[in-house]
Amino acid sequence: MGAEIIGATKIDLQAGERRLSERYASDSAVGVRLLLSEYHALQERQYQGDTDAIILLADLETAINTAGLTDRQRQALDLV
C-alpha cells in the first residue's frame, strides 16, 4: 500500500482567483478599465461570499491607497 498524503486535494483551489486575475489584469489598461467598469458587480459578489472577489477588491483598495492620487484623481475613481 502506498503512502497517503494527508490534506492533499485534486481540486484547484486557486482557479477562481487566477481567472479573476487574468480577466482584470492590473498590468494593462484594458484590465484596469474592465475592473473599474465592473466594480459594483464585484462588490455584489463579495456580499454573496465570493472570496476571490473580496481579495481582488482588497488589492484594488490597497493599490489606490498607495498610489498617491490627488483628490481630483480619487474623485474621478469614485465617479466611475
C-alpha atoms as a PDB file:
ATOM      1  CA  MET A   1       0.000   0.000   0.000  1.00  0.00           C
ATOM      2  CA  GLY A   2       1.434   3.406  -0.971  1.00  0.00           C
ATOM      3  CA  ALA A   3       1.943   6.343   1.351  1.00  0.00           C
ATOM      4  CA  GLU A   4      -1.021   8.662   1.741  1.00  0.00           C
ATOM      5  CA  ILE A   5      -0.626  12.420   1.761  1.00  0.00           C
ATOM      6  CA  ILE A   6      -2.885  13.979   4.333  1.00  0.00           C
ATOM      7  CA  GLY A   7      -4.643  17.138   3.209  1.00  0.00           C
ATOM      8  CA  ALA A   8      -3.891  16.659  -0.496  1.00  0.00           C
ATOM      9  CA  THR A   9      -6.655  17.548  -2.912  1.00  0.00           C
ATOM     10  CA  LYS A  10      -7.105  17.287  -6.639  1.00  0.00           C
ATOM     11  CA  ILE A  11      -9.367  20.349  -6.718  1.00  0.00           C
ATOM     12  CA  ASP A  12      -7.735  23.543  -7.992  1.00  0.00           C
ATOM     13  CA  LEU A  13      -8.416  25.876  -5.072  1.00  0.00           C
ATOM     14  CA  GLN A  14      -6.904  28.922  -6.799  1.00  0.00           C
ATOM     15  CA  ALA A  15      -8.782  28.590 -10.103  1.00  0.00           C
ATOM     16  CA  GLY A  16     -11.264  31.378  -9.330  1.00  0.00           C
ATOM     17  CA  GLU A  17      -8.568  33.775  -8.173  1.00  0.00           C
ATOM     18  CA  ARG A  18      -6.457  33.040 -11.240  1.00  0.00           C
ATOM     19  CA  ARG A  19      -9.466  33.553 -13.524  1.00  0.00           C
ATOM     20  CA  LEU A  20     -10.181  36.988 -11.987  1.00  0.00           C
ATOM     21  CA  SER A  21      -6.504  37.961 -12.131  1.00  0.00           C
ATOM     22  CA  GLU A  22      -6.413  37.126 -15.830  1.00  0.00           C
ATOM     23  CA  ARG A  23      -9.688  38.929 -16.578  1.00  0.00           C
ATOM     24  CA  TYR A  24      -8.756  42.058 -14.641  1.00  0.00           C
ATOM     25  CA  ALA A  25      -5.026  42.176 -15.417  1.00  0.00           C
ATOM     26  CA  SER A  26      -3.629  45.092 -13.438  1.00  0.00           C
ATOM     27  CA  ASP A  27      -0.698  45.466 -15.817  1.00  0.00           C
ATOM     28  CA  SER A  28      -2.871  46.512 -18.744  1.00  0.00           C
ATOM     29  CA  ALA A  29      -5.125  49.499 -19.302  1.00  0.00           C
ATOM     30  CA  VAL A  30      -7.842  47.207 -20.655  1.00  0.00           C
ATOM     31  CA  GLY A  31      -7.824  45.063 -17.496  1.00  0.00           C
ATOM     32  CA  VAL A  32      -7.961  48.066 -15.164  1.00  0.00           C
ATOM     33  CA  ARG A  33     -10.743  49.681 -17.216  1.00  0.00           C
ATOM     34  CA  LEU A  34     -12.729  46.440 -17.095  1.00  0.00           C
ATOM     35  CA  LEU A  35     -12.162  46.137 -13.336  1.00  0.00           C
ATOM     36  CA  LEU A  36     -13.404  49.667 -12.721  1.00  0.00           C
ATOM     37  CA  SER A  37     -16.405  49.202 -15.000  1.00  0.00           C
ATOM     38  CA  GLU A  38     -17.433  46.008 -13.178  1.00  0.00           C
ATOM     39  CA  TYR A  39     -16.567  47.261  -9.686  1.00  0.00           C
ATOM     40  CA  HIS A  40     -20.177  47.258  -8.461  1.00  0.00           C
ATOM     41  CA  ALA A  41     -20.754  43.720  -9.736  1.00  0.00           C
ATOM     42  CA  LEU A  42     -17.651  42.596  -7.852  1.00  0.00           C
ATOM     43  CA  GLN A  43     -18.957  44.272  -4.705  1.00  0.00           C
ATOM     44  CA  GLU A  44     -22.201  42.330  -5.082  1.00  0.00           C
ATOM     45  CA  ARG A  45     -20.262  39.075  -5.497  1.00  0.00           C
ATOM     46  CA  GLN A  46     -18.326  39.938  -2.344  1.00  0.00           C
ATOM     47  CA  TYR A  47     -21.572  40.018  -0.356  1.00  0.00           C
ATOM     48  CA  GLN A  48     -22.544  36.668  -1.851  1.00  0.00           C
ATOM     49  CA  GLY A  49     -19.420  35.139  -0.309  1.00  0.00           C
ATOM     50  CA  ASP A  50     -17.113  35.149  -3.341  1.00  0.00           C
ATOM     51  CA  THR A  51     -13.719  35.176  -1.618  1.00  0.00           C
ATOM     52  CA  ASP A  52     -11.895  35.758  -4.895  1.00  0.00           C
ATOM     53  CA  ALA A  53     -13.877  38.975  -5.431  1.00  0.00           C
ATOM     54  CA  ILE A  54     -13.071  40.003  -1.846  1.00  0.00           C
ATOM     55  CA  ILE A  55      -9.341  39.528  -2.457  1.00  0.00           C
ATOM     56  CA  LEU A  56      -9.478  41.428  -5.751  1.00  0.00           C
ATOM     57  CA  LEU A  57     -11.341  44.354  -4.165  1.00  0.00           C
ATOM     58  CA  ALA A  58      -8.905  44.430  -1.234  1.00  0.00           C
ATOM     59  CA  ASP A  59      -5.970  44.502  -3.662  1.00  0.00           C
ATOM     60  CA  LEU A  60      -7.619  47.322  -5.613  1.00  0.00           C
ATOM     61  CA  GLU A  61      -8.171  49.336  -2.427  1.00  0.00           C
ATOM     62  CA  THR A  62      -4.527  48.838  -1.415  1.00  0.00           C
ATOM     63  CA  ALA A  63      -3.338  49.920  -4.866  1.00  0.00           C
ATOM     64  CA  ILE A  64      -5.499  53.052  -4.794  1.00  0.00           C
ATOM     65  CA  ASN A  65      -4.389  53.973  -1.266  1.00  0.00           C
ATOM     66  CA  THR A  66      -0.690  53.589  -2.086  1.00  0.00           C
ATOM     67  CA  ALA A  67      -0.837  55.282  -5.496  1.00  0.00           C
ATOM     68  CA  GLY A  68      -0.514  58.804  -4.110  1.00  0.00           C
ATOM     69  CA  LEU A  69      -3.529  60.068  -6.036  1.00  0.00           C
ATOM     70  CA  THR A  70      -4.635  63.670  -5.885  1.00  0.00           C
ATOM     71  CA  ASP A  71      -8.084  64.488  -4.519  1.00  0.00           C
ATOM     72  CA  ARG A  72      -9.299  65.058  -8.062  1.00  0.00           C
ATOM     73  CA  GLN A  73      -7.991  61.653  -9.212  1.00  0.00           C
ATOM     74  CA  ARG A  74      -9.692  59.939  -6.251  1.00  0.00           C
ATOM     75  CA  GLN A  75     -12.900  61.756  -7.114  1.00  0.00           C
ATOM     76  CA  ALA A  76     -12.653  60.517 -10.702  1.00  0.00           C
ATOM     77  CA  LEU A  77     -12.323  56.927  -9.444  1.00  0.00           C
ATOM     78  CA  ASP A  78     -15.348  57.364  -7.208  1.00  0.00           C
ATOM     79  CA  LEU A  79     -17.395  58.524 -10.184  1.00  0.00           C
ATOM     80  CA  VAL A  80     -16.572  55.516 -12.364  1.00  0.00           C
END
